[in-house]
Structure formats: C-alpha cells, structure tokens
PDB file of N, CA and C in Angstrom:
ATOM      1  N   UNK A   1      32.480  47.778  -8.287  1.00  0.00           N
ATOM      2  CA  UNK A   1      32.925  46.754  -9.187  1.00  0.00           C
ATOM      3  C   UNK A   1      33.046  45.400  -8.487  1.00  0.00           C
ATOM      4  N   UNK A   2      33.398  45.398  -7.220  1.00  0.00           N
ATOM      5  CA  UNK A   2      33.545  44.168  -6.464  1.00  0.00           C
ATOM      6  C   UNK A   2      32.204  43.455  -6.342  1.00  0.00           C
ATOM      7  N   UNK A   3      31.123  44.215  -6.151  1.00  0.00           N
ATOM      8  CA  UNK A   3      29.811  43.601  -6.011  1.00  0.00           C
ATOM      9  C   UNK A   3      29.387  42.891  -7.288  1.00  0.00           C
ATOM     10  N   UNK A   4      29.658  43.471  -8.438  1.00  0.00           N
ATOM     11  CA  UNK A   4      29.304  42.857  -9.711  1.00  0.00           C
ATOM     12  C   UNK A   4      30.076  41.549  -9.903  1.00  0.00           C
ATOM     13  N   UNK A   5      31.359  41.524  -9.591  1.00  0.00           N
ATOM     14  CA  UNK A   5      32.172  40.317  -9.719  1.00  0.00           C
ATOM     15  C   UNK A   5      31.688  39.237  -8.767  1.00  0.00           C
ATOM     16  N   UNK A   6      31.340  39.628  -7.556  1.00  0.00           N
ATOM     17  CA  UNK A   6      30.829  38.680  -6.577  1.00  0.00           C
ATOM     18  C   UNK A   6      29.530  38.050  -7.073  1.00  0.00           C
ATOM     19  N   UNK A   7      28.662  38.843  -7.657  1.00  0.00           N
ATOM     20  CA  UNK A   7      27.394  38.345  -8.191  1.00  0.00           C
ATOM     21  C   UNK A   7      27.659  37.381  -9.354  1.00  0.00           C
ATOM     22  N   UNK A   8      28.588  37.725 -10.238  1.00  0.00           N
ATOM     23  CA  UNK A   8      28.925  36.855 -11.366  1.00  0.00           C
ATOM     24  C   UNK A   8      29.491  35.530 -10.869  1.00  0.00           C
ATOM     25  N   UNK A   9      30.343  35.581  -9.859  1.00  0.00           N
ATOM     26  CA  UNK A   9      30.914  34.353  -9.294  1.00  0.00           C
ATOM     27  C   UNK A   9      29.828  33.458  -8.705  1.00  0.00           C
ATOM     28  N   UNK A  10      28.866  34.062  -8.041  1.00  0.00           N
ATOM     29  CA  UNK A  10      27.759  33.282  -7.469  1.00  0.00           C
ATOM     30  C   UNK A  10      26.925  32.623  -8.566  1.00  0.00           C
ATOM     31  N   UNK A  11      26.660  33.358  -9.642  1.00  0.00           N
ATOM     32  CA  UNK A  11      25.873  32.819 -10.752  1.00  0.00           C
ATOM     33  C   UNK A  11      26.615  31.653 -11.402  1.00  0.00           C
ATOM     34  N   UNK A  12      27.910  31.821 -11.654  1.00  0.00           N
ATOM     35  CA  UNK A  12      28.705  30.755 -12.268  1.00  0.00           C
ATOM     36  C   UNK A  12      28.738  29.531 -11.352  1.00  0.00           C
ATOM     37  N   UNK A  13      28.942  29.757 -10.071  1.00  0.00           N
ATOM     38  CA  UNK A  13      28.990  28.670  -9.107  1.00  0.00           C
ATOM     39  C   UNK A  13      27.653  27.920  -9.075  1.00  0.00           C
ATOM     40  N   UNK A  14      26.562  28.641  -9.069  1.00  0.00           N
ATOM     41  CA  UNK A  14      25.238  28.043  -9.072  1.00  0.00           C
ATOM     42  C   UNK A  14      25.013  27.218 -10.337  1.00  0.00           C
ATOM     43  N   UNK A  15      25.450  27.730 -11.470  1.00  0.00           N
ATOM     44  CA  UNK A  15      25.294  27.009 -12.733  1.00  0.00           C
ATOM     45  C   UNK A  15      26.096  25.704 -12.714  1.00  0.00           C
ATOM     46  N   UNK A  16      27.303  25.743 -12.194  1.00  0.00           N
ATOM     47  CA  UNK A  16      28.136  24.541 -12.115  1.00  0.00           C
ATOM     48  C   UNK A  16      27.467  23.497 -11.223  1.00  0.00           C
ATOM     49  N   UNK A  17      26.944  23.921 -10.086  1.00  0.00           N
ATOM     50  CA  UNK A  17      26.278  23.001  -9.171  1.00  0.00           C
ATOM     51  C   UNK A  17      25.041  22.393  -9.828  1.00  0.00           C
ATOM     52  N   UNK A  18      24.266  23.187 -10.531  1.00  0.00           N
ATOM     53  CA  UNK A  18      23.054  22.685 -11.188  1.00  0.00           C
ATOM     54  C   UNK A  18      23.394  21.673 -12.275  1.00  0.00           C
ATOM     55  N   UNK A  19      24.414  21.940 -13.072  1.00  0.00           N
ATOM     56  CA  UNK A  19      24.810  21.012 -14.133  1.00  0.00           C
ATOM     57  C   UNK A  19      25.317  19.712 -13.517  1.00  0.00           C
ATOM     58  N   UNK A  20      26.126  19.801 -12.484  1.00  0.00           N
ATOM     59  CA  UNK A  20      26.653  18.602 -11.822  1.00  0.00           C
ATOM     60  C   UNK A  20      25.512  17.769 -11.234  1.00  0.00           C
ATOM     61  N   UNK A  21      24.547  18.425 -10.621  1.00  0.00           N
ATOM     62  CA  UNK A  21      23.409  17.704 -10.038  1.00  0.00           C
ATOM     63  C   UNK A  21      22.572  17.047 -11.123  1.00  0.00           C
ATOM     64  N   UNK A  22      22.346  17.741 -12.227  1.00  0.00           N
ATOM     65  CA  UNK A  22      21.560  17.179 -13.333  1.00  0.00           C
ATOM     66  C   UNK A  22      22.257  15.967 -13.929  1.00  0.00           C
ATOM     67  N   UNK A  23      23.553  16.033 -14.088  1.00  0.00           N
ATOM     68  CA  UNK A  23      24.299  14.909 -14.660  1.00  0.00           C
ATOM     69  C   UNK A  23      24.299  13.713 -13.728  1.00  0.00           C
ATOM     70  N   UNK A  24      24.405  13.948 -12.437  1.00  0.00           N
ATOM     71  CA  UNK A  24      24.441  12.826 -11.499  1.00  0.00           C
ATOM     72  C   UNK A  24      23.084  12.154 -11.381  1.00  0.00           C
ATOM     73  N   UNK A  25      21.993  12.897 -11.510  1.00  0.00           N
ATOM     74  CA  UNK A  25      20.657  12.317 -11.409  1.00  0.00           C
ATOM     75  C   UNK A  25      20.267  11.633 -12.705  1.00  0.00           C
ATOM     76  N   UNK A  26      20.564  12.248 -13.839  1.00  0.00           N
ATOM     77  CA  UNK A  26      20.118  11.716 -15.118  1.00  0.00           C
ATOM     78  C   UNK A  26      21.008  10.600 -15.635  1.00  0.00           C
ATOM     79  N   UNK A  27      22.232  10.481 -15.157  1.00  0.00           N
ATOM     80  CA  UNK A  27      23.138   9.454 -15.642  1.00  0.00           C
ATOM     81  C   UNK A  27      22.750   8.099 -15.085  1.00  0.00           C
ATOM     82  N   UNK A  28      22.652   7.105 -15.965  1.00  0.00           N
ATOM     83  CA  UNK A  28      22.322   5.775 -15.479  1.00  0.00           C
ATOM     84  C   UNK A  28      23.459   5.189 -14.652  1.00  0.00           C
ATOM     85  N   UNK A  29      23.103   4.324 -13.737  1.00  0.00           N
ATOM     86  CA  UNK A  29      24.095   3.634 -12.923  1.00  0.00           C
ATOM     87  C   UNK A  29      24.824   2.612 -13.777  1.00  0.00           C
ATOM     88  N   UNK A  30      26.121   2.469 -13.572  1.00  0.00           N
ATOM     89  CA  UNK A  30      26.903   1.522 -14.371  1.00  0.00           C
ATOM     90  C   UNK A  30      26.656   0.085 -13.937  1.00  0.00           C
ATOM     91  N   UNK A  31      26.171  -0.154 -12.730  1.00  0.00           N
ATOM     92  CA  UNK A  31      25.929  -1.514 -12.263  1.00  0.00           C
ATOM     93  C   UNK A  31      24.515  -1.978 -12.592  1.00  0.00           C
ATOM     94  N   UNK A  32      23.793  -1.213 -13.352  1.00  0.00           N
ATOM     95  CA  UNK A  32      22.411  -1.522 -13.696  1.00  0.00           C
ATOM     96  C   UNK A  32      22.302  -1.730 -15.207  1.00  0.00           C
ATOM     97  N   UNK A  33      21.530  -2.724 -15.619  1.00  0.00           N
ATOM     98  CA  UNK A  33      21.354  -2.997 -17.046  1.00  0.00           C
ATOM     99  C   UNK A  33      20.096  -2.366 -17.628  1.00  0.00           C
ATOM    100  N   UNK A  34      19.072  -2.200 -16.811  1.00  0.00           N
ATOM    101  CA  UNK A  34      17.795  -1.681 -17.295  1.00  0.00           C
ATOM    102  C   UNK A  34      17.383  -0.466 -16.474  1.00  0.00           C
ATOM    103  N   UNK A  35      17.049   0.630 -17.157  1.00  0.00           N
ATOM    104  CA  UNK A  35      16.605   1.852 -16.478  1.00  0.00           C
ATOM    105  C   UNK A  35      15.179   2.183 -16.906  1.00  0.00           C
ATOM    106  N   UNK A  36      14.371   2.613 -15.956  1.00  0.00           N
ATOM    107  CA  UNK A  36      12.973   2.967 -16.204  1.00  0.00           C
ATOM    108  C   UNK A  36      12.709   4.365 -15.650  1.00  0.00           C
ATOM    109  N   UNK A  37      11.658   5.024 -16.138  1.00  0.00           N
ATOM    110  CA  UNK A  37      11.324   6.343 -15.605  1.00  0.00           C
ATOM    111  C   UNK A  37      11.137   6.284 -14.087  1.00  0.00           C
ATOM    112  N   UNK A  38      11.624   7.301 -13.401  1.00  0.00           N
ATOM    113  CA  UNK A  38      11.517   7.370 -11.944  1.00  0.00           C
ATOM    114  C   UNK A  38      10.055   7.602 -11.566  1.00  0.00           C
ATOM    115  N   UNK A  39       9.411   6.628 -10.884  1.00  0.00           N
ATOM    116  CA  UNK A  39       7.993   6.773 -10.553  1.00  0.00           C
ATOM    117  C   UNK A  39       7.733   7.786  -9.441  1.00  0.00           C
ATOM    118  N   UNK A  40       8.767   8.153  -8.709  1.00  0.00           N
ATOM    119  CA  UNK A  40       8.581   9.104  -7.604  1.00  0.00           C
ATOM    120  C   UNK A  40       8.689  10.545  -8.088  1.00  0.00           C
ATOM    121  N   UNK A  41       9.686  10.822  -8.937  1.00  0.00           N
ATOM    122  CA  UNK A  41       9.841  12.187  -9.457  1.00  0.00           C
ATOM    123  C   UNK A  41       8.899  12.442 -10.622  1.00  0.00           C
ATOM    124  N   UNK A  42       8.686  11.407 -11.447  1.00  0.00           N
ATOM    125  CA  UNK A  42       7.787  11.508 -12.599  1.00  0.00           C
ATOM    126  C   UNK A  42       8.140  12.699 -13.491  1.00  0.00           C
ATOM    127  N   UNK A  43       9.461  12.891 -13.717  1.00  0.00           N
ATOM    128  CA  UNK A  43       9.946  13.979 -14.560  1.00  0.00           C
ATOM    129  C   UNK A  43      10.720  13.410 -15.739  1.00  0.00           C
ATOM    130  N   UNK A  44      10.633  14.019 -16.903  1.00  0.00           N
ATOM    131  CA  UNK A  44      11.408  13.532 -18.042  1.00  0.00           C
ATOM    132  C   UNK A  44      12.906  13.564 -17.739  1.00  0.00           C
ATOM    133  N   UNK A  45      13.614  12.523 -18.151  1.00  0.00           N
ATOM    134  CA  UNK A  45      15.055  12.476 -17.982  1.00  0.00           C
ATOM    135  C   UNK A  45      15.518  11.926 -16.647  1.00  0.00           C
ATOM    136  N   UNK A  46      14.607  11.538 -15.763  1.00  0.00           N
ATOM    137  CA  UNK A  46      14.976  10.971 -14.463  1.00  0.00           C
ATOM    138  C   UNK A  46      14.647   9.479 -14.477  1.00  0.00           C
ATOM    139  N   UNK A  47      15.667   8.662 -14.252  1.00  0.00           N
ATOM    140  CA  UNK A  47      15.503   7.219 -14.339  1.00  0.00           C
ATOM    141  C   UNK A  47      16.023   6.525 -13.089  1.00  0.00           C
ATOM    142  N   UNK A  48      15.515   5.326 -12.845  1.00  0.00           N
ATOM    143  CA  UNK A  48      15.986   4.476 -11.758  1.00  0.00           C
ATOM    144  C   UNK A  48      16.254   3.090 -12.322  1.00  0.00           C
ATOM    145  N   UNK A  49      17.036   2.314 -11.597  1.00  0.00           N
ATOM    146  CA  UNK A  49      17.324   0.951 -12.012  1.00  0.00           C
ATOM    147  C   UNK A  49      16.061   0.110 -11.856  1.00  0.00           C
ATOM    148  N   UNK A  50      15.756  -0.673 -12.871  1.00  0.00           N
ATOM    149  CA  UNK A  50      14.593  -1.562 -12.770  1.00  0.00           C
ATOM    150  C   UNK A  50      14.946  -2.966 -13.251  1.00  0.00           C
ATOM    151  N   UNK A  51      16.203  -3.387 -13.003  1.00  0.00           N
ATOM    152  CA  UNK A  51      16.608  -4.759 -13.305  1.00  0.00           C
ATOM    153  C   UNK A  51      15.691  -5.733 -12.568  1.00  0.00           C
ATOM    154  N   UNK A  52      15.442  -6.859 -13.186  1.00  0.00           N
ATOM    155  CA  UNK A  52      14.586  -7.885 -12.588  1.00  0.00           C
ATOM    156  C   UNK A  52      15.402  -8.789 -11.666  1.00  0.00           C
ATOM    157  N   UNK A  53      14.875  -9.083 -10.485  1.00  0.00           N
ATOM    158  CA  UNK A  53      15.469 -10.084  -9.609  1.00  0.00           C
ATOM    159  C   UNK A  53      15.041 -11.462 -10.118  1.00  0.00           C
ATOM    160  N   UNK A  54      15.790 -12.518  -9.790  1.00  0.00           N
ATOM    161  CA  UNK A  54      15.416 -13.866 -10.253  1.00  0.00           C
ATOM    162  C   UNK A  54      14.062 -14.306  -9.696  1.00  0.00           C
ATOM    163  N   UNK A  55      13.418 -15.182 -10.423  1.00  0.00           N
ATOM    164  CA  UNK A  55      12.139 -15.745  -9.990  1.00  0.00           C
ATOM    165  C   UNK A  55      10.956 -15.055 -10.645  1.00  0.00           C
ATOM    166  N   UNK A  56       9.774 -15.543 -10.299  1.00  0.00           N
ATOM    167  CA  UNK A  56       8.528 -14.992 -10.827  1.00  0.00           C
ATOM    168  C   UNK A  56       7.612 -14.618  -9.679  1.00  0.00           C
ATOM    169  N   UNK A  57       6.757 -13.641  -9.934  1.00  0.00           N
ATOM    170  CA  UNK A  57       5.757 -13.261  -8.948  1.00  0.00           C
ATOM    171  C   UNK A  57       4.638 -14.296  -8.935  1.00  0.00           C
ATOM    172  N   UNK A  58       4.190 -14.648  -7.732  1.00  0.00           N
ATOM    173  CA  UNK A  58       3.035 -15.532  -7.587  1.00  0.00           C
ATOM    174  C   UNK A  58       1.798 -14.718  -7.954  1.00  0.00           C
ATOM    175  N   UNK A  59       0.989 -15.250  -8.876  1.00  0.00           N
ATOM    176  CA  UNK A  59      -0.194 -14.510  -9.329  1.00  0.00           C
ATOM    177  C   UNK A  59      -1.464 -15.199  -8.870  1.00  0.00           C
ATOM    178  N   UNK A  60      -2.382 -14.411  -8.359  1.00  0.00           N
ATOM    179  CA  UNK A  60      -3.712 -14.916  -8.040  1.00  0.00           C
ATOM    180  C   UNK A  60      -4.719 -13.834  -8.395  1.00  0.00           C
ATOM    181  N   UNK A  61      -5.925 -14.280  -8.747  1.00  0.00           N
ATOM    182  CA  UNK A  61      -6.952 -13.351  -9.210  1.00  0.00           C
ATOM    183  C   UNK A  61      -7.808 -12.778  -8.086  1.00  0.00           C
ATOM    184  N   UNK A  62      -7.931 -13.540  -6.995  1.00  0.00           N
ATOM    185  CA  UNK A  62      -8.786 -13.102  -5.883  1.00  0.00           C
ATOM    186  C   UNK A  62      -8.011 -13.181  -4.585  1.00  0.00           C
ATOM    187  N   UNK A  63      -8.410 -12.358  -3.653  1.00  0.00           N
ATOM    188  CA  UNK A  63      -7.832 -12.390  -2.318  1.00  0.00           C
ATOM    189  C   UNK A  63      -8.581 -13.441  -1.506  1.00  0.00           C
ATOM    190  N   UNK A  64      -7.870 -14.431  -0.950  1.00  0.00           N
ATOM    191  CA  UNK A  64      -8.552 -15.429  -0.126  1.00  0.00           C
ATOM    192  C   UNK A  64      -9.279 -14.764   1.042  1.00  0.00           C
ATOM    193  N   UNK A  65     -10.477 -15.263   1.398  1.00  0.00           N
ATOM    194  CA  UNK A  65     -11.274 -14.631   2.469  1.00  0.00           C
ATOM    195  C   UNK A  65     -10.507 -14.463   3.782  1.00  0.00           C
ATOM    196  N   UNK A  66      -9.632 -15.388   4.137  1.00  0.00           N
ATOM    197  CA  UNK A  66      -8.915 -15.280   5.407  1.00  0.00           C
ATOM    198  C   UNK A  66      -7.898 -14.135   5.394  1.00  0.00           C
ATOM    199  N   UNK A  67      -7.507 -13.650   4.208  1.00  0.00           N
ATOM    200  CA  UNK A  67      -6.552 -12.547   4.131  1.00  0.00           C
ATOM    201  C   UNK A  67      -7.235 -11.188   4.048  1.00  0.00           C
ATOM    202  N   UNK A  68      -8.500 -11.174   3.669  1.00  0.00           N
ATOM    203  CA  UNK A  68      -9.223  -9.900   3.556  1.00  0.00           C
ATOM    204  C   UNK A  68      -9.324  -9.191   4.904  1.00  0.00           C
ATOM    205  N   UNK A  69      -9.476  -9.940   5.971  1.00  0.00           N
ATOM    206  CA  UNK A  69      -9.701  -9.349   7.289  1.00  0.00           C
ATOM    207  C   UNK A  69      -8.424  -9.136   8.092  1.00  0.00           C
ATOM    208  N   UNK A  70      -7.283  -9.484   7.545  1.00  0.00           N
ATOM    209  CA  UNK A  70      -6.026  -9.360   8.281  1.00  0.00           C
ATOM    210  C   UNK A  70      -5.603  -7.916   8.487  1.00  0.00           C
ATOM    211  N   UNK A  71      -5.959  -7.045   7.566  1.00  0.00           N
ATOM    212  CA  UNK A  71      -5.453  -5.673   7.638  1.00  0.00           C
ATOM    213  C   UNK A  71      -4.014  -5.648   7.146  1.00  0.00           C
ATOM    214  N   UNK A  72      -3.403  -4.509   7.193  1.00  0.00           N
ATOM    215  CA  UNK A  72      -2.032  -4.391   6.706  1.00  0.00           C
ATOM    216  C   UNK A  72      -1.048  -4.880   7.750  1.00  0.00           C
ATOM    217  N   UNK A  73      -0.112  -5.707   7.324  1.00  0.00           N
ATOM    218  CA  UNK A  73       0.940  -6.193   8.224  1.00  0.00           C
ATOM    219  C   UNK A  73       1.985  -5.098   8.399  1.00  0.00           C
ATOM    220  N   UNK A  74       2.743  -5.204   9.455  1.00  0.00           N
ATOM    221  CA  UNK A  74       3.794  -4.220   9.747  1.00  0.00           C
ATOM    222  C   UNK A  74       4.964  -4.327   8.786  1.00  0.00           C
ATOM    223  N   UNK A  75       5.181  -5.481   8.171  1.00  0.00           N
ATOM    224  CA  UNK A  75       6.381  -5.707   7.368  1.00  0.00           C
ATOM    225  C   UNK A  75       6.204  -5.401   5.886  1.00  0.00           C
ATOM    226  N   UNK A  76       5.097  -4.850   5.480  1.00  0.00           N
ATOM    227  CA  UNK A  76       4.863  -4.576   4.065  1.00  0.00           C
ATOM    228  C   UNK A  76       5.789  -3.461   3.588  1.00  0.00           C
ATOM    229  N   UNK A  77       6.457  -3.716   2.459  1.00  0.00           N
ATOM    230  CA  UNK A  77       7.287  -2.691   1.828  1.00  0.00           C
ATOM    231  C   UNK A  77       6.728  -2.459   0.425  1.00  0.00           C
ATOM    232  N   UNK A  78       6.176  -1.292   0.207  1.00  0.00           N
ATOM    233  CA  UNK A  78       5.640  -0.947  -1.105  1.00  0.00           C
ATOM    234  C   UNK A  78       6.793  -0.677  -2.061  1.00  0.00           C
ATOM    235  N   UNK A  79       6.579  -0.930  -3.352  1.00  0.00           N
ATOM    236  CA  UNK A  79       7.654  -0.777  -4.328  1.00  0.00           C
ATOM    237  C   UNK A  79       7.079  -0.496  -5.711  1.00  0.00           C
ATOM    238  N   UNK A  80       7.976  -0.155  -6.630  1.00  0.00           N
ATOM    239  CA  UNK A  80       7.639  -0.021  -8.043  1.00  0.00           C
ATOM    240  C   UNK A  80       8.436  -1.021  -8.876  1.00  0.00           C
ATOM    241  N   UNK A  81       9.692  -1.256  -8.477  1.00  0.00           N
ATOM    242  CA  UNK A  81      10.600  -2.133  -9.215  1.00  0.00           C
ATOM    243  C   UNK A  81      11.356  -3.038  -8.251  1.00  0.00           C
ATOM    244  N   UNK A  82      11.844  -4.172  -8.763  1.00  0.00           N
ATOM    245  CA  UNK A  82      12.575  -5.151  -7.949  1.00  0.00           C
ATOM    246  C   UNK A  82      13.740  -4.565  -7.146  1.00  0.00           C
ATOM    247  N   UNK A  83      14.572  -3.667  -7.701  1.00  0.00           N
ATOM    248  CA  UNK A  83      15.711  -3.168  -6.925  1.00  0.00           C
ATOM    249  C   UNK A  83      15.335  -2.439  -5.626  1.00  0.00           C
ATOM    250  N   UNK A  84      14.071  -2.104  -5.445  1.00  0.00           N
ATOM    251  CA  UNK A  84      13.632  -1.487  -4.199  1.00  0.00           C
ATOM    252  C   UNK A  84      13.444  -2.528  -3.098  1.00  0.00           C
ATOM    253  N   UNK A  85      13.471  -3.804  -3.478  1.00  0.00           N
ATOM    254  CA  UNK A  85      13.284  -4.910  -2.540  1.00  0.00           C
ATOM    255  C   UNK A  85      14.633  -5.541  -2.213  1.00  0.00           C
ATOM    256  N   UNK A  86      14.635  -6.418  -1.209  1.00  0.00           N
ATOM    257  CA  UNK A  86      15.838  -7.181  -0.894  1.00  0.00           C
ATOM    258  C   UNK A  86      16.191  -8.059  -2.101  1.00  0.00           C
ATOM    259  N   UNK A  87      17.449  -8.480  -2.193  1.00  0.00           N
ATOM    260  CA  UNK A  87      17.904  -9.264  -3.342  1.00  0.00           C
ATOM    261  C   UNK A  87      17.130 -10.564  -3.530  1.00  0.00           C
ATOM    262  N   UNK A  88      16.603 -11.135  -2.460  1.00  0.00           N
ATOM    263  CA  UNK A  88      15.873 -12.401  -2.548  1.00  0.00           C
ATOM    264  C   UNK A  88      14.363 -12.192  -2.743  1.00  0.00           C
ATOM    265  N   UNK A  89      13.933 -10.955  -2.970  1.00  0.00           N
ATOM    266  CA  UNK A  89      12.508 -10.646  -3.159  1.00  0.00           C
ATOM    267  C   UNK A  89      12.261 -10.021  -4.534  1.00  0.00           C
ATOM    268  N   UNK A  90      10.990  -9.991  -4.910  1.00  0.00           N
ATOM    269  CA  UNK A  90      10.557  -9.332  -6.138  1.00  0.00           C
ATOM    270  C   UNK A  90       9.465  -8.324  -5.792  1.00  0.00           C
ATOM    271  N   UNK A  91       9.310  -7.328  -6.640  1.00  0.00           N
ATOM    272  CA  UNK A  91       8.248  -6.340  -6.486  1.00  0.00           C
ATOM    273  C   UNK A  91       7.035  -6.865  -7.252  1.00  0.00           C
ATOM    274  N   UNK A  92       6.010  -7.305  -6.542  1.00  0.00           N
ATOM    275  CA  UNK A  92       4.860  -7.975  -7.148  1.00  0.00           C
ATOM    276  C   UNK A  92       3.550  -7.306  -6.731  1.00  0.00           C
ATOM    277  N   UNK A  93       2.576  -7.367  -7.627  1.00  0.00           N
ATOM    278  CA  UNK A  93       1.250  -6.840  -7.295  1.00  0.00           C
ATOM    279  C   UNK A  93       0.572  -7.810  -6.334  1.00  0.00           C
ATOM    280  N   UNK A  94       0.027  -7.296  -5.250  1.00  0.00           N
ATOM    281  CA  UNK A  94      -0.709  -8.103  -4.286  1.00  0.00           C
ATOM    282  C   UNK A  94      -2.186  -7.744  -4.391  1.00  0.00           C
ATOM    283  N   UNK A  95      -2.994  -8.730  -4.761  1.00  0.00           N
ATOM    284  CA  UNK A  95      -4.412  -8.485  -4.993  1.00  0.00           C
ATOM    285  C   UNK A  95      -5.135  -8.110  -3.693  1.00  0.00           C
ATOM    286  N   UNK A  96      -4.656  -8.579  -2.551  1.00  0.00           N
ATOM    287  CA  UNK A  96      -5.303  -8.251  -1.277  1.00  0.00           C
ATOM    288  C   UNK A  96      -5.013  -6.815  -0.852  1.00  0.00           C
ATOM    289  N   UNK A  97      -3.782  -6.368  -1.070  1.00  0.00           N
ATOM    290  CA  UNK A  97      -3.383  -5.016  -0.682  1.00  0.00           C
ATOM    291  C   UNK A  97      -3.714  -4.013  -1.784  1.00  0.00           C
ATOM    292  N   UNK A  98      -3.851  -4.523  -3.010  1.00  0.00           N
ATOM    293  CA  UNK A  98      -4.130  -3.715  -4.204  1.00  0.00           C
ATOM    294  C   UNK A  98      -3.002  -2.732  -4.481  1.00  0.00           C
ATOM    295  N   UNK A  99      -1.774  -3.225  -4.351  1.00  0.00           N
ATOM    296  CA  UNK A  99      -0.589  -2.417  -4.622  1.00  0.00           C
ATOM    297  C   UNK A  99       0.597  -3.352  -4.867  1.00  0.00           C
ATOM    298  N   UNK A 100       1.681  -2.805  -5.405  1.00  0.00           N
ATOM    299  CA  UNK A 100       2.908  -3.586  -5.575  1.00  0.00           C
ATOM    300  C   UNK A 100       3.694  -3.552  -4.278  1.00  0.00           C
ATOM    301  N   UNK A 101       4.110  -4.751  -3.823  1.00  0.00           N
ATOM    302  CA  UNK A 101       4.874  -4.879  -2.587  1.00  0.00           C
ATOM    303  C   UNK A 101       6.006  -5.891  -2.789  1.00  0.00           C
ATOM    304  N   UNK A 102       6.999  -5.834  -1.917  1.00  0.00           N
ATOM    305  CA  UNK A 102       8.107  -6.787  -1.961  1.00  0.00           C
ATOM    306  C   UNK A 102       7.633  -8.128  -1.418  1.00  0.00           C
ATOM    307  N   UNK A 103       7.886  -9.198  -2.205  1.00  0.00           N
ATOM    308  CA  UNK A 103       7.462 -10.547  -1.811  1.00  0.00           C
ATOM    309  C   UNK A 103       8.500 -11.563  -2.218  1.00  0.00           C
ATOM    310  N   UNK A 104       8.468 -12.716  -1.584  1.00  0.00           N
ATOM    311  CA  UNK A 104       9.314 -13.812  -2.007  1.00  0.00           C
ATOM    312  C   UNK A 104       8.796 -14.340  -3.338  1.00  0.00           C
ATOM    313  N   UNK A 105       9.668 -14.680  -4.279  1.00  0.00           N
ATOM    314  CA  UNK A 105       9.204 -15.191  -5.581  1.00  0.00           C
ATOM    315  C   UNK A 105       8.708 -16.626  -5.468  1.00  0.00           C
ATOM    316  N   UNK A 106       8.073 -17.110  -6.528  1.00  0.00           N
ATOM    317  CA  UNK A 106       7.601 -18.504  -6.595  1.00  0.00           C
ATOM    318  C   UNK A 106       8.772 -19.438  -6.525  1.00  0.00           C
TER     319      UNK A 106
END
C-alpha cells in the first residue's frame, strides 16, 4: 500500500510542477504592453514581450559595396524584437547581413 501512495504523491507533485511551469511561461509579463508569439519556441500559447523601443529603423534597399566585403562583425546581436536589444537600440533588418540585428535607431 505504501508503494501505491508514493506513486500517487509523485504523480500529483509532477502535475503541480507542470501546471506552475505552464502558467509562468504562458502568463504575460506585467511590465510589458505588447506580447507576440515566441519565435524561438514557436509553440501555441508561448509569448514574449515585443514592445517597441523609441526611434525608427534606418532602411536601405541595397548593401553598399564597401560593406559587402566586411564579413560579419564580432558585435552583431541577432534579434526578433526590440526587447532583445539594449534600451537604446532597435531590432532592425540589415540588408547586408540579411537578418534582423540590434542597431542604433535613426
């Protein structure tokens, strides 16, 4: 009888942990105004903060020839949304790198 109770306790404990983890991941942050689907997990019900930082992304259609040959710099930080960048940066598409990276706004 002790083994059955021990097994039931483990199942209940596991269920409590799973529910707590699901609530903490799926619950939006209170300090965030805008939530978007999590691009890393790509699962329904998982969201991340995607509030916009001030400023606008600098847009250009072509990569200047002098930047094509530079290769990737050491300081590049790839991103999906502004909150992944420093507060003074925005997550912008870079035509030379062909990806979204953290950059200073216009």
